[in-house]
Amino acid sequence: MSNIEKIRTQVEFLAAARGRSASGLDEDAILPETGLLDSAAIIELICWIEMEFSLDLPEEEITLKNFGTIKRIAAYVNRNGSDR
């Protein structure tokens, strides 16, 4: 499974846990603007990214530019992480 597929699956899981469906979510959709994930889910997603891809994310890098969309998250991971 590619990094982008792993991230999409996790976003779908977190949304479903909140009674929402992320099925068909565009990879370029700004996650906070979709309303699919609340602030707790976004924190869970960041923690999952750190664990799944063996990353230690500096606070200053947790921005919409790096983590606003599924595609941006995957690009960040591909640049900075390891694929398990």
Protein backbone atom coordinates (compact mmCIF):
# COMPACT_ATOMS: atom_id res chain seq x y z
CA MET A 1 0.00 0.00 0.00
CA SER A 2 1.40 3.41 -0.93
CA ASN A 3 1.80 6.20 1.61
CA ILE A 4 -1.08 8.16 0.07
CA GLU A 5 -3.34 5.09 0.35
CA LYS A 6 -2.33 4.57 4.00
CA ILE A 7 -3.08 8.21 4.79
CA ARG A 8 -6.43 8.13 2.96
CA THR A 9 -7.40 4.97 4.85
CA GLN A 10 -6.54 6.60 8.18
CA VAL A 11 -8.51 9.76 7.32
CA GLU A 12 -11.49 7.59 6.35
CA PHE A 13 -11.17 5.64 9.62
CA LEU A 14 -11.02 8.81 11.74
CA ALA A 15 -13.99 10.33 9.90
CA ALA A 16 -16.03 7.12 10.27
CA ALA A 17 -15.29 7.07 14.01
CA ARG A 18 -17.05 10.44 14.13
CA GLY A 19 -20.03 9.29 12.07
CA ARG A 20 -18.84 10.89 8.83
CA SER A 21 -17.92 9.41 5.47
CA ALA A 22 -14.69 10.43 3.76
CA SER A 23 -15.36 8.10 0.86
CA GLY A 24 -14.58 9.89 -2.38
CA LEU A 25 -12.68 12.67 -0.62
CA ASP A 26 -10.47 14.52 -3.11
CA GLU A 27 -6.77 14.23 -2.27
CA ASP A 28 -6.48 18.01 -2.68
CA ALA A 29 -9.36 18.88 -0.32
CA ILE A 30 -8.24 21.01 2.63
CA LEU A 31 -8.95 18.62 5.52
CA PRO A 32 -9.90 21.21 8.18
CA GLU A 33 -12.33 22.84 5.73
CA THR A 34 -14.14 19.58 4.89
CA GLY A 35 -15.61 19.23 8.37
CA LEU A 36 -14.81 15.51 8.32
CA LEU A 37 -12.24 15.69 11.11
CA ASP A 38 -12.60 17.66 14.31
CA SER A 39 -9.57 19.05 16.14
CA ALA A 40 -9.14 15.86 18.17
CA ALA A 41 -9.15 13.77 14.98
CA ILE A 42 -6.54 16.03 13.41
CA ILE A 43 -4.31 15.54 16.47
CA GLU A 44 -4.90 11.78 16.22
CA LEU A 45 -3.93 11.92 12.54
CA ILE A 46 -0.69 13.80 13.33
CA CYS A 47 0.19 11.27 16.07
CA TRP A 48 -0.57 8.39 13.71
CA ILE A 49 1.67 9.94 11.02
CA GLU A 50 4.54 10.17 13.50
CA MET A 51 4.16 6.53 14.54
CA GLU A 52 3.36 5.04 11.13
CA PHE A 53 6.20 6.76 9.29
CA SER A 54 8.76 7.02 12.13
CA LEU A 55 8.72 10.81 12.11
CA ASP A 56 9.30 13.31 14.88
CA LEU A 57 7.31 16.30 13.63
CA PRO A 58 8.56 19.72 14.73
CA GLU A 59 5.62 21.97 15.68
CA GLU A 60 6.65 24.60 13.16
CA GLU A 61 6.26 22.08 10.32
CA ILE A 62 2.68 21.14 11.24
CA THR A 63 1.07 23.62 8.87
CA LEU A 64 -1.61 23.58 6.18
CA LYS A 65 1.21 23.79 3.64
CA ASN A 66 2.57 20.43 4.83
CA PHE A 67 -0.50 18.72 6.32
CA GLY A 68 -3.58 20.42 4.87
CA THR A 69 -4.50 17.73 2.37
CA ILE A 70 -3.97 14.02 1.90
CA LYS A 71 -1.69 14.76 -1.03
CA ARG A 72 0.41 17.27 0.96
CA ILE A 73 0.75 14.86 3.88
CA ALA A 74 1.94 12.10 1.53
CA ALA A 75 4.43 14.47 -0.11
CA TYR A 76 5.79 15.49 3.31
CA VAL A 77 6.12 11.86 4.38
CA ASN A 78 7.81 10.93 1.11
CA ARG A 79 10.35 13.74 1.62
CA ASN A 80 10.99 13.17 5.32
CA GLY A 81 9.86 9.75 6.45
CA SER A 82 10.40 6.09 6.07
CA ASP A 83 7.88 3.73 4.53
CA ARG A 84 7.02 0.74 6.70
